[in-house]
């Protein structure tokens, strides 16, 4: 089932930070891991990913460094900062409240209000 892109837009940065909370990753790894964990709902293109990463880095939520891979190719890895971890926790709480509220409305709510 295709998911409306507008529903995905606001959560992508949070999801990238969540991946980086577990381990440092380079761009292609993030694209593959995000796609795999979301059953291909989040399938980012490099042209979408890198502006998001640059913005998160500019805000101080992550840092980057270069590291040589086994094939001698240098890759740019990203790592979440302590500021990024605090931001992620706040976003996770916000997301939980949001999804709970949406689910309550979709399920008819938990209060009987008559108009």
PDB file of N, CA and C in Angstrom:
ATOM      1  N   UNK A   1       0.834  -1.175   0.000  1.00  0.00           N
ATOM      2  CA  UNK A   1       0.000   0.000   0.000  1.00  0.00           C
ATOM      3  C   UNK A   1       0.882   1.242   0.000  1.00  0.00           C
ATOM      4  N   UNK A   2       0.643   2.141  -0.914  1.00  0.00           N
ATOM      5  CA  UNK A   2       1.421   3.369  -1.017  1.00  0.00           C
ATOM      6  C   UNK A   2       0.987   4.339   0.083  1.00  0.00           C
ATOM      7  N   UNK A   3       1.961   4.999   0.675  1.00  0.00           N
ATOM      8  CA  UNK A   3       1.716   5.968   1.741  1.00  0.00           C
ATOM      9  C   UNK A   3       1.914   7.365   1.170  1.00  0.00           C
ATOM     10  N   UNK A   4       0.975   8.241   1.457  1.00  0.00           N
ATOM     11  CA  UNK A   4       1.045   9.631   1.017  1.00  0.00           C
ATOM     12  C   UNK A   4       2.370  10.248   1.497  1.00  0.00           C
ATOM     13  N   UNK A   5       3.126  10.812   0.583  1.00  0.00           N
ATOM     14  CA  UNK A   5       4.438  11.391   0.907  1.00  0.00           C
ATOM     15  C   UNK A   5       4.342  12.490   1.958  1.00  0.00           C
ATOM     16  N   UNK A   6       3.217  13.221   1.991  1.00  0.00           N
ATOM     17  CA  UNK A   6       3.093  14.295   2.976  1.00  0.00           C
ATOM     18  C   UNK A   6       3.053  13.750   4.400  1.00  0.00           C
ATOM     19  N   UNK A   7       2.626  12.501   4.575  1.00  0.00           N
ATOM     20  CA  UNK A   7       2.637  11.885   5.898  1.00  0.00           C
ATOM     21  C   UNK A   7       4.053  11.510   6.334  1.00  0.00           C
ATOM     22  N   UNK A   8       4.925  11.294   5.374  1.00  0.00           N
ATOM     23  CA  UNK A   8       6.290  10.871   5.667  1.00  0.00           C
ATOM     24  C   UNK A   8       7.239  12.032   5.932  1.00  0.00           C
ATOM     25  N   UNK A   9       6.974  13.160   5.327  1.00  0.00           N
ATOM     26  CA  UNK A   9       7.918  14.266   5.301  1.00  0.00           C
ATOM     27  C   UNK A   9       8.416  14.686   6.679  1.00  0.00           C
ATOM     28  N   UNK A  10       7.525  14.908   7.610  1.00  0.00           N
ATOM     29  CA  UNK A  10       7.925  15.425   8.916  1.00  0.00           C
ATOM     30  C   UNK A  10       8.651  14.435   9.799  1.00  0.00           C
ATOM     31  N   UNK A  11       8.583  13.162   9.502  1.00  0.00           N
ATOM     32  CA  UNK A  11       9.168  12.156  10.382  1.00  0.00           C
ATOM     33  C   UNK A  11      10.514  11.616   9.914  1.00  0.00           C
ATOM     34  N   UNK A  12      10.918  11.934   8.729  1.00  0.00           N
ATOM     35  CA  UNK A  12      12.134  11.337   8.170  1.00  0.00           C
ATOM     36  C   UNK A  12      13.386  11.690   8.971  1.00  0.00           C
ATOM     37  N   UNK A  13      13.522  12.943   9.363  1.00  0.00           N
ATOM     38  CA  UNK A  13      14.686  13.347  10.159  1.00  0.00           C
ATOM     39  C   UNK A  13      14.763  12.580  11.465  1.00  0.00           C
ATOM     40  N   UNK A  14      13.616  12.419  12.128  1.00  0.00           N
ATOM     41  CA  UNK A  14      13.564  11.674  13.378  1.00  0.00           C
ATOM     42  C   UNK A  14      14.006  10.226  13.147  1.00  0.00           C
ATOM     43  N   UNK A  15      13.557   9.628  12.054  1.00  0.00           N
ATOM     44  CA  UNK A  15      13.910   8.240  11.768  1.00  0.00           C
ATOM     45  C   UNK A  15      15.403   8.083  11.476  1.00  0.00           C
ATOM     46  N   UNK A  16      15.981   9.048  10.787  1.00  0.00           N
ATOM     47  CA  UNK A  16      17.423   9.003  10.527  1.00  0.00           C
ATOM     48  C   UNK A  16      18.209   9.097  11.834  1.00  0.00           C
ATOM     49  N   UNK A  17      17.784   9.998  12.709  1.00  0.00           N
ATOM     50  CA  UNK A  17      18.452  10.116  14.013  1.00  0.00           C
ATOM     51  C   UNK A  17      18.322   8.820  14.808  1.00  0.00           C
ATOM     52  N   UNK A  18      17.179   8.163  14.707  1.00  0.00           N
ATOM     53  CA  UNK A  18      16.976   6.898  15.415  1.00  0.00           C
ATOM     54  C   UNK A  18      17.957   5.844  14.921  1.00  0.00           C
ATOM     55  N   UNK A  19      18.163   5.774  13.604  1.00  0.00           N
ATOM     56  CA  UNK A  19      19.141   4.828  13.061  1.00  0.00           C
ATOM     57  C   UNK A  19      20.544   5.139  13.578  1.00  0.00           C
ATOM     58  N   UNK A  20      20.875   6.427  13.621  1.00  0.00           N
ATOM     59  CA  UNK A  20      22.206   6.842  14.054  1.00  0.00           C
ATOM     60  C   UNK A  20      22.404   6.691  15.555  1.00  0.00           C
ATOM     61  N   UNK A  21      21.313   6.606  16.293  1.00  0.00           N
ATOM     62  CA  UNK A  21      21.425   6.373  17.737  1.00  0.00           C
ATOM     63  C   UNK A  21      22.018   4.984  17.990  1.00  0.00           C
ATOM     64  N   UNK A  22      21.765   4.065  17.087  1.00  0.00           N
ATOM     65  CA  UNK A  22      22.254   2.691  17.224  1.00  0.00           C
ATOM     66  C   UNK A  22      23.707   2.539  16.794  1.00  0.00           C
ATOM     67  N   UNK A  23      24.079   3.240  15.703  1.00  0.00           N
ATOM     68  CA  UNK A  23      25.445   3.126  15.188  1.00  0.00           C
ATOM     69  C   UNK A  23      25.694   4.210  14.144  1.00  0.00           C
ATOM     70  N   UNK A  24      26.954   4.532  13.937  1.00  0.00           N
ATOM     71  CA  UNK A  24      27.324   5.466  12.878  1.00  0.00           C
ATOM     72  C   UNK A  24      27.090   4.784  11.533  1.00  0.00           C
ATOM     73  N   UNK A  25      26.603   5.551  10.571  1.00  0.00           N
ATOM     74  CA  UNK A  25      26.295   5.005   9.256  1.00  0.00           C
ATOM     75  C   UNK A  25      26.685   5.987   8.172  1.00  0.00           C
ATOM     76  N   UNK A  26      26.927   5.477   6.971  1.00  0.00           N
ATOM     77  CA  UNK A  26      27.094   6.364   5.821  1.00  0.00           C
ATOM     78  C   UNK A  26      25.778   6.368   5.054  1.00  0.00           C
ATOM     79  N   UNK A  27      25.645   7.293   4.123  1.00  0.00           N
ATOM     80  CA  UNK A  27      24.379   7.551   3.462  1.00  0.00           C
ATOM     81  C   UNK A  27      23.679   6.345   2.881  1.00  0.00           C
ATOM     82  N   UNK A  28      24.375   5.569   2.076  1.00  0.00           N
ATOM     83  CA  UNK A  28      23.742   4.418   1.433  1.00  0.00           C
ATOM     84  C   UNK A  28      23.240   3.417   2.468  1.00  0.00           C
ATOM     85  N   UNK A  29      23.992   3.242   3.560  1.00  0.00           N
ATOM     86  CA  UNK A  29      23.557   2.341   4.626  1.00  0.00           C
ATOM     87  C   UNK A  29      22.235   2.818   5.228  1.00  0.00           C
ATOM     88  N   UNK A  30      22.123   4.133   5.415  1.00  0.00           N
ATOM     89  CA  UNK A  30      20.883   4.684   5.971  1.00  0.00           C
ATOM     90  C   UNK A  30      19.707   4.432   5.040  1.00  0.00           C
ATOM     91  N   UNK A  31      19.920   4.651   3.757  1.00  0.00           N
ATOM     92  CA  UNK A  31      18.862   4.429   2.767  1.00  0.00           C
ATOM     93  C   UNK A  31      18.401   2.979   2.814  1.00  0.00           C
ATOM     94  N   UNK A  32      19.336   2.054   2.811  1.00  0.00           N
ATOM     95  CA  UNK A  32      19.012   0.626   2.811  1.00  0.00           C
ATOM     96  C   UNK A  32      18.348   0.188   4.113  1.00  0.00           C
ATOM     97  N   UNK A  33      18.886   0.635   5.240  1.00  0.00           N
ATOM     98  CA  UNK A  33      18.354   0.237   6.540  1.00  0.00           C
ATOM     99  C   UNK A  33      16.955   0.803   6.769  1.00  0.00           C
ATOM    100  N   UNK A  34      16.763   2.052   6.413  1.00  0.00           N
ATOM    101  CA  UNK A  34      15.452   2.677   6.567  1.00  0.00           C
ATOM    102  C   UNK A  34      14.410   1.976   5.693  1.00  0.00           C
ATOM    103  N   UNK A  35      14.794   1.653   4.488  1.00  0.00           N
ATOM    104  CA  UNK A  35      13.895   0.945   3.581  1.00  0.00           C
ATOM    105  C   UNK A  35      13.549  -0.438   4.133  1.00  0.00           C
ATOM    106  N   UNK A  36      14.553  -1.168   4.596  1.00  0.00           N
ATOM    107  CA  UNK A  36      14.335  -2.525   5.119  1.00  0.00           C
ATOM    108  C   UNK A  36      13.454  -2.510   6.360  1.00  0.00           C
ATOM    109  N   UNK A  37      13.729  -1.608   7.284  1.00  0.00           N
ATOM    110  CA  UNK A  37      12.966  -1.571   8.540  1.00  0.00           C
ATOM    111  C   UNK A  37      11.539  -1.074   8.363  1.00  0.00           C
ATOM    112  N   UNK A  38      11.295  -0.359   7.289  1.00  0.00           N
ATOM    113  CA  UNK A  38       9.947   0.185   7.068  1.00  0.00           C
ATOM    114  C   UNK A  38       9.174  -0.598   5.999  1.00  0.00           C
ATOM    115  N   UNK A  39       9.677  -1.766   5.635  1.00  0.00           N
ATOM    116  CA  UNK A  39       9.046  -2.555   4.561  1.00  0.00           C
ATOM    117  C   UNK A  39       8.869  -1.716   3.297  1.00  0.00           C
ATOM    118  N   UNK A  40       9.890  -0.960   2.969  1.00  0.00           N
ATOM    119  CA  UNK A  40       9.975  -0.129   1.764  1.00  0.00           C
ATOM    120  C   UNK A  40       9.026   1.067   1.746  1.00  0.00           C
ATOM    121  N   UNK A  41       8.432   1.411   2.872  1.00  0.00           N
ATOM    122  CA  UNK A  41       7.603   2.619   2.926  1.00  0.00           C
ATOM    123  C   UNK A  41       8.506   3.842   2.814  1.00  0.00           C
ATOM    124  N   UNK A  42       9.638   3.812   3.510  1.00  0.00           N
ATOM    125  CA  UNK A  42      10.609   4.904   3.426  1.00  0.00           C
ATOM    126  C   UNK A  42      11.728   4.486   2.499  1.00  0.00           C
ATOM    127  N   UNK A  43      11.622   4.869   1.246  1.00  0.00           N
ATOM    128  CA  UNK A  43      12.674   4.565   0.269  1.00  0.00           C
ATOM    129  C   UNK A  43      13.211   5.896  -0.251  1.00  0.00           C
ATOM    130  N   UNK A  44      14.219   6.391   0.431  1.00  0.00           N
ATOM    131  CA  UNK A  44      14.790   7.693   0.106  1.00  0.00           C
ATOM    132  C   UNK A  44      15.755   7.604  -1.059  1.00  0.00           C
ATOM    133  N   UNK A  45      15.831   8.651  -1.800  1.00  0.00           N
ATOM    134  CA  UNK A  45      16.844   8.823  -2.842  1.00  0.00           C
ATOM    135  C   UNK A  45      17.963   9.666  -2.233  1.00  0.00           C
ATOM    136  N   UNK A  46      19.151   9.544  -2.779  1.00  0.00           N
ATOM    137  CA  UNK A  46      20.289  10.315  -2.277  1.00  0.00           C
ATOM    138  C   UNK A  46      19.989  11.816  -2.315  1.00  0.00           C
ATOM    139  N   UNK A  47      19.284  12.257  -3.335  1.00  0.00           N
ATOM    140  CA  UNK A  47      18.949  13.669  -3.470  1.00  0.00           C
ATOM    141  C   UNK A  47      18.012  14.175  -2.390  1.00  0.00           C
ATOM    142  N   UNK A  48      17.332  13.274  -1.721  1.00  0.00           N
ATOM    143  CA  UNK A  48      16.474  13.625  -0.584  1.00  0.00           C
ATOM    144  C   UNK A  48      17.233  13.469   0.727  1.00  0.00           C
ATOM    145  N   UNK A  49      18.024  12.404   0.823  1.00  0.00           N
ATOM    146  CA  UNK A  49      18.739  12.092   2.058  1.00  0.00           C
ATOM    147  C   UNK A  49      19.771  13.153   2.427  1.00  0.00           C
ATOM    148  N   UNK A  50      20.640  13.496   1.506  1.00  0.00           N
ATOM    149  CA  UNK A  50      21.773  14.355   1.862  1.00  0.00           C
ATOM    150  C   UNK A  50      21.370  15.765   2.298  1.00  0.00           C
ATOM    151  N   UNK A  51      20.373  16.397   1.686  1.00  0.00           N
ATOM    152  CA  UNK A  51      19.934  17.683   2.237  1.00  0.00           C
ATOM    153  C   UNK A  51      19.395  17.555   3.675  1.00  0.00           C
ATOM    154  N   UNK A  52      18.703  16.454   3.966  1.00  0.00           N
ATOM    155  CA  UNK A  52      18.224  16.211   5.334  1.00  0.00           C
ATOM    156  C   UNK A  52      19.399  16.073   6.294  1.00  0.00           C
ATOM    157  N   UNK A  53      20.395  15.300   5.905  1.00  0.00           N
ATOM    158  CA  UNK A  53      21.567  15.104   6.758  1.00  0.00           C
ATOM    159  C   UNK A  53      22.317  16.411   6.974  1.00  0.00           C
ATOM    160  N   UNK A  54      22.473  17.202   5.925  1.00  0.00           N
ATOM    161  CA  UNK A  54      23.177  18.483   6.052  1.00  0.00           C
ATOM    162  C   UNK A  54      22.424  19.420   6.985  1.00  0.00           C
ATOM    163  N   UNK A  55      21.104  19.413   6.900  1.00  0.00           N
ATOM    164  CA  UNK A  55      20.292  20.249   7.779  1.00  0.00           C
ATOM    165  C   UNK A  55      20.408  19.799   9.233  1.00  0.00           C
ATOM    166  N   UNK A  56      20.363  18.494   9.471  1.00  0.00           N
ATOM    167  CA  UNK A  56      20.512  17.962  10.827  1.00  0.00           C
ATOM    168  C   UNK A  56      21.897  18.273  11.386  1.00  0.00           C
ATOM    169  N   UNK A  57      22.898  18.240  10.520  1.00  0.00           N
ATOM    170  CA  UNK A  57      24.257  18.558  10.950  1.00  0.00           C
ATOM    171  C   UNK A  57      24.375  20.053  11.274  1.00  0.00           C
ATOM    172  N   UNK A  58      23.767  20.882  10.445  1.00  0.00           N
ATOM    173  CA  UNK A  58      23.785  22.330  10.656  1.00  0.00           C
ATOM    174  C   UNK A  58      23.117  22.702  11.981  1.00  0.00           C
ATOM    175  N   UNK A  59      22.090  21.953  12.358  1.00  0.00           N
ATOM    176  CA  UNK A  59      21.386  22.197  13.620  1.00  0.00           C
ATOM    177  C   UNK A  59      22.118  21.625  14.832  1.00  0.00           C
ATOM    178  N   UNK A  60      23.201  20.884  14.582  1.00  0.00           N
ATOM    179  CA  UNK A  60      23.990  20.322  15.674  1.00  0.00           C
ATOM    180  C   UNK A  60      23.499  18.981  16.179  1.00  0.00           C
ATOM    181  N   UNK A  61      22.607  18.324  15.434  1.00  0.00           N
ATOM    182  CA  UNK A  61      22.053  17.048  15.861  1.00  0.00           C
ATOM    183  C   UNK A  61      22.914  15.860  15.453  1.00  0.00           C
ATOM    184  N   UNK A  62      23.794  16.072  14.502  1.00  0.00           N
ATOM    185  CA  UNK A  62      24.724  15.025  14.109  1.00  0.00           C
ATOM    186  C   UNK A  62      26.020  15.645  13.615  1.00  0.00           C
ATOM    187  N   UNK A  63      27.032  14.823  13.561  1.00  0.00           N
ATOM    188  CA  UNK A  63      28.330  15.224  13.018  1.00  0.00           C
ATOM    189  C   UNK A  63      28.700  14.206  11.937  1.00  0.00           C
ATOM    190  N   UNK A  64      29.689  14.552  11.147  1.00  0.00           N
ATOM    191  CA  UNK A  64      30.142  13.642  10.104  1.00  0.00           C
ATOM    192  C   UNK A  64      31.661  13.540  10.134  1.00  0.00           C
ATOM    193  N   UNK A  65      32.135  12.432   9.629  1.00  0.00           N
ATOM    194  CA  UNK A  65      33.582  12.211   9.512  1.00  0.00           C
ATOM    195  C   UNK A  65      33.819  11.265   8.354  1.00  0.00           C
ATOM    196  N   UNK A  66      35.028  11.293   7.831  1.00  0.00           N
ATOM    197  CA  UNK A  66      35.371  10.415   6.715  1.00  0.00           C
ATOM    198  C   UNK A  66      36.186   9.236   7.219  1.00  0.00           C
ATOM    199  N   UNK A  67      35.933   8.099   6.589  1.00  0.00           N
ATOM    200  CA  UNK A  67      36.617   6.867   6.978  1.00  0.00           C
ATOM    201  C   UNK A  67      36.816   6.020   5.728  1.00  0.00           C
ATOM    202  N   UNK A  68      38.001   5.443   5.597  1.00  0.00           N
ATOM    203  CA  UNK A  68      38.299   4.588   4.449  1.00  0.00           C
ATOM    204  C   UNK A  68      37.629   3.234   4.628  1.00  0.00           C
ATOM    205  N   UNK A  69      36.994   2.770   3.573  1.00  0.00           N
ATOM    206  CA  UNK A  69      36.352   1.450   3.580  1.00  0.00           C
ATOM    207  C   UNK A  69      37.376   0.402   3.158  1.00  0.00           C
ATOM    208  N   UNK A  70      36.963  -0.850   3.180  1.00  0.00           N
ATOM    209  CA  UNK A  70      37.854  -1.954   2.819  1.00  0.00           C
ATOM    210  C   UNK A  70      38.410  -1.822   1.407  1.00  0.00           C
ATOM    211  N   UNK A  71      37.609  -1.263   0.496  1.00  0.00           N
ATOM    212  CA  UNK A  71      38.048  -1.129  -0.896  1.00  0.00           C
ATOM    213  C   UNK A  71      38.820   0.163  -1.128  1.00  0.00           C
ATOM    214  N   UNK A  72      39.263   0.808  -0.044  1.00  0.00           N
ATOM    215  CA  UNK A  72      40.040   2.050  -0.071  1.00  0.00           C
ATOM    216  C   UNK A  72      39.211   3.269  -0.468  1.00  0.00           C
ATOM    217  N   UNK A  73      37.914   3.080  -0.653  1.00  0.00           N
ATOM    218  CA  UNK A  73      37.040   4.200  -0.938  1.00  0.00           C
ATOM    219  C   UNK A  73      36.739   4.917   0.374  1.00  0.00           C
ATOM    220  N   UNK A  74      36.820   6.222   0.353  1.00  0.00           N
ATOM    221  CA  UNK A  74      36.537   7.003   1.551  1.00  0.00           C
ATOM    222  C   UNK A  74      35.046   7.305   1.591  1.00  0.00           C
ATOM    223  N   UNK A  75      34.443   7.007   2.738  1.00  0.00           N
ATOM    224  CA  UNK A  75      33.005   7.238   2.923  1.00  0.00           C
ATOM    225  C   UNK A  75      32.797   8.256   4.033  1.00  0.00           C
ATOM    226  N   UNK A  76      31.701   9.000   3.918  1.00  0.00           N
ATOM    227  CA  UNK A  76      31.336   9.976   4.933  1.00  0.00           C
ATOM    228  C   UNK A  76      30.325   9.332   5.873  1.00  0.00           C
ATOM    229  N   UNK A  77      30.714   9.189   7.128  1.00  0.00           N
ATOM    230  CA  UNK A  77      29.848   8.603   8.142  1.00  0.00           C
ATOM    231  C   UNK A  77      29.203   9.706   8.969  1.00  0.00           C
ATOM    232  N   UNK A  78      28.043   9.398   9.491  1.00  0.00           N
ATOM    233  CA  UNK A  78      27.300  10.342  10.322  1.00  0.00           C
ATOM    234  C   UNK A  78      27.115   9.736  11.702  1.00  0.00           C
ATOM    235  N   UNK A  79      27.180  10.606  12.708  1.00  0.00           N
ATOM    236  CA  UNK A  79      27.072  10.194  14.094  1.00  0.00           C
ATOM    237  C   UNK A  79      26.159  11.168  14.830  1.00  0.00           C
ATOM    238  N   UNK A  80      25.261  10.651  15.654  1.00  0.00           N
ATOM    239  CA  UNK A  80      24.351  11.513  16.411  1.00  0.00           C
ATOM    240  C   UNK A  80      25.105  12.172  17.572  1.00  0.00           C
ATOM    241  N   UNK A  81      24.798  13.414  17.861  1.00  0.00           N
ATOM    242  CA  UNK A  81      25.411  14.148  18.970  1.00  0.00           C
ATOM    243  C   UNK A  81      24.521  14.028  20.208  1.00  0.00           C
ATOM    244  N   UNK A  82      25.013  14.487  21.349  1.00  0.00           N
ATOM    245  CA  UNK A  82      24.181  14.475  22.553  1.00  0.00           C
ATOM    246  C   UNK A  82      22.984  15.402  22.370  1.00  0.00           C
ATOM    247  N   UNK A  83      23.164  16.516  21.680  1.00  0.00           N
ATOM    248  CA  UNK A  83      22.039  17.403  21.369  1.00  0.00           C
ATOM    249  C   UNK A  83      21.031  16.668  20.483  1.00  0.00           C
ATOM    250  N   UNK A  84      21.521  15.893  19.531  1.00  0.00           N
ATOM    251  CA  UNK A  84      20.656  15.112  18.662  1.00  0.00           C
ATOM    252  C   UNK A  84      19.886  14.053  19.424  1.00  0.00           C
ATOM    253  N   UNK A  85      20.515  13.440  20.435  1.00  0.00           N
ATOM    254  CA  UNK A  85      19.839  12.437  21.251  1.00  0.00           C
ATOM    255  C   UNK A  85      18.709  13.073  22.064  1.00  0.00           C
ATOM    256  N   UNK A  86      18.961  14.253  22.610  1.00  0.00           N
ATOM    257  CA  UNK A  86      17.910  14.953  23.361  1.00  0.00           C
ATOM    258  C   UNK A  86      16.754  15.333  22.434  1.00  0.00           C
ATOM    259  N   UNK A  87      17.093  15.829  21.245  1.00  0.00           N
ATOM    260  CA  UNK A  87      16.086  16.196  20.257  1.00  0.00           C
ATOM    261  C   UNK A  87      15.263  14.965  19.855  1.00  0.00           C
ATOM    262  N   UNK A  88      15.947  13.844  19.630  1.00  0.00           N
ATOM    263  CA  UNK A  88      15.278  12.601  19.250  1.00  0.00           C
ATOM    264  C   UNK A  88      14.291  12.168  20.329  1.00  0.00           C
ATOM    265  N   UNK A  89      14.702  12.193  21.582  1.00  0.00           N
ATOM    266  CA  UNK A  89      13.807  11.795  22.675  1.00  0.00           C
ATOM    267  C   UNK A  89      12.572  12.685  22.710  1.00  0.00           C
ATOM    268  N   UNK A  90      12.758  13.984  22.520  1.00  0.00           N
ATOM    269  CA  UNK A  90      11.620  14.911  22.506  1.00  0.00           C
ATOM    270  C   UNK A  90      10.693  14.595  21.329  1.00  0.00           C
ATOM    271  N   UNK A  91      11.273  14.320  20.169  1.00  0.00           N
ATOM    272  CA  UNK A  91      10.481  13.991  18.987  1.00  0.00           C
ATOM    273  C   UNK A  91       9.742  12.663  19.160  1.00  0.00           C
ATOM    274  N   UNK A  92      10.375  11.701  19.817  1.00  0.00           N
ATOM    275  CA  UNK A  92       9.709  10.422  20.067  1.00  0.00           C
ATOM    276  C   UNK A  92       8.494  10.624  20.971  1.00  0.00           C
ATOM    277  N   UNK A  93       8.616  11.456  22.009  1.00  0.00           N
ATOM    278  CA  UNK A  93       7.477  11.750  22.890  1.00  0.00           C
ATOM    279  C   UNK A  93       6.376  12.469  22.107  1.00  0.00           C
ATOM    280  N   UNK A  94       6.785  13.432  21.286  1.00  0.00           N
ATOM    281  CA  UNK A  94       5.836  14.177  20.469  1.00  0.00           C
ATOM    282  C   UNK A  94       5.112  13.234  19.503  1.00  0.00           C
ATOM    283  N   UNK A  95       5.856  12.353  18.860  1.00  0.00           N
ATOM    284  CA  UNK A  95       5.273  11.408  17.910  1.00  0.00           C
ATOM    285  C   UNK A  95       4.295  10.471  18.610  1.00  0.00           C
ATOM    286  N   UNK A  96       4.646  10.010  19.798  1.00  0.00           N
ATOM    287  CA  UNK A  96       3.779   9.126  20.556  1.00  0.00           C
ATOM    288  C   UNK A  96       2.456   9.812  20.884  1.00  0.00           C
ATOM    289  N   UNK A  97       2.512  11.050  21.324  1.00  0.00           N
ATOM    290  CA  UNK A  97       1.293  11.813  21.628  1.00  0.00           C
ATOM    291  C   UNK A  97       0.454  12.015  20.371  1.00  0.00           C
ATOM    292  N   UNK A  98       1.115  12.347  19.282  1.00  0.00           N
ATOM    293  CA  UNK A  98       0.427  12.577  18.012  1.00  0.00           C
ATOM    294  C   UNK A  98      -0.289  11.320  17.526  1.00  0.00           C
ATOM    295  N   UNK A  99       0.438  10.203  17.486  1.00  0.00           N
ATOM    296  CA  UNK A  99      -0.157   8.972  16.965  1.00  0.00           C
ATOM    297  C   UNK A  99      -1.270   8.475  17.890  1.00  0.00           C
ATOM    298  N   UNK A 100      -1.115   8.663  19.185  1.00  0.00           N
ATOM    299  CA  UNK A 100      -2.167   8.274  20.122  1.00  0.00           C
ATOM    300  C   UNK A 100      -3.443   9.083  19.855  1.00  0.00           C
ATOM    301  N   UNK A 101      -3.284  10.382  19.648  1.00  0.00           N
ATOM    302  CA  UNK A 101      -4.435  11.245  19.375  1.00  0.00           C
ATOM    303  C   UNK A 101      -5.110  10.880  18.054  1.00  0.00           C
ATOM    304  N   UNK A 102      -4.324  10.643  17.017  1.00  0.00           N
ATOM    305  CA  UNK A 102      -4.879  10.248  15.722  1.00  0.00           C
ATOM    306  C   UNK A 102      -5.630   8.929  15.858  1.00  0.00           C
ATOM    307  N   UNK A 103      -5.017   7.973  16.534  1.00  0.00           N
ATOM    308  CA  UNK A 103      -5.665   6.674  16.708  1.00  0.00           C
ATOM    309  C   UNK A 103      -6.959   6.778  17.508  1.00  0.00           C
ATOM    310  N   UNK A 104      -6.996   7.641  18.499  1.00  0.00           N
ATOM    311  CA  UNK A 104      -8.230   7.831  19.271  1.00  0.00           C
ATOM    312  C   UNK A 104      -9.347   8.359  18.382  1.00  0.00           C
ATOM    313  N   UNK A 105      -9.026   9.318  17.540  1.00  0.00           N
ATOM    314  CA  UNK A 105     -10.032   9.870  16.633  1.00  0.00           C
ATOM    315  C   UNK A 105     -10.489   8.809  15.641  1.00  0.00           C
ATOM    316  N   UNK A 106      -9.539   8.075  15.066  1.00  0.00           N
ATOM    317  CA  UNK A 106      -9.894   7.055  14.082  1.00  0.00           C
ATOM    318  C   UNK A 106     -10.725   5.929  14.694  1.00  0.00           C
ATOM    319  N   UNK A 107     -10.521   5.661  15.959  1.00  0.00           N
ATOM    320  CA  UNK A 107     -11.259   4.582  16.636  1.00  0.00           C
ATOM    321  C   UNK A 107     -12.522   5.084  17.331  1.00  0.00           C
ATOM    322  N   UNK A 108     -12.865   6.336  17.110  1.00  0.00           N
ATOM    323  CA  UNK A 108     -14.098   6.858  17.687  1.00  0.00           C
ATOM    324  C   UNK A 108     -13.913   7.579  19.002  1.00  0.00           C
ATOM    325  N   UNK A 109     -12.692   7.736  19.441  1.00  0.00           N
ATOM    326  CA  UNK A 109     -12.425   8.485  20.678  1.00  0.00           C
ATOM    327  C   UNK A 109     -12.777   7.691  21.916  1.00  0.00           C
ATOM    328  N   UNK A 110     -12.400   8.254  23.053  1.00  0.00           N
ATOM    329  CA  UNK A 110     -12.686   7.563  24.313  1.00  0.00           C
ATOM    330  C   UNK A 110     -13.688   8.327  25.159  1.00  0.00           C
ATOM    331  N   UNK A 111     -14.270   9.372  24.600  1.00  0.00           N
ATOM    332  CA  UNK A 111     -15.292  10.136  25.323  1.00  0.00           C
ATOM    333  C   UNK A 111     -16.541  10.227  24.465  1.00  0.00           C
ATOM    334  N   UNK A 112     -17.676  10.166  25.092  1.00  0.00           N
ATOM    335  CA  UNK A 112     -18.944  10.275  24.361  1.00  0.00           C
ATOM    336  C   UNK A 112     -19.397  11.731  24.397  1.00  0.00           C
ATOM    337  N   UNK A 113     -19.284  12.376  23.272  1.00  0.00           N
ATOM    338  CA  UNK A 113     -19.688  13.775  23.169  1.00  0.00           C
ATOM    339  C   UNK A 113     -20.794  13.828  22.131  1.00  0.00           C
ATOM    340  N   UNK A 114     -21.889  14.487  22.497  1.00  0.00           N
ATOM    341  CA  UNK A 114     -22.980  14.608  21.552  1.00  0.00           C
ATOM    342  C   UNK A 114     -23.150  16.064  21.159  1.00  0.00           C
ATOM    343  N   UNK A 115     -23.428  16.261  19.901  1.00  0.00           N
ATOM    344  CA  UNK A 115     -23.639  17.629  19.369  1.00  0.00           C
ATOM    345  C   UNK A 115     -25.071  17.791  18.978  1.00  0.00           C
TER     346      UNK A 115
END
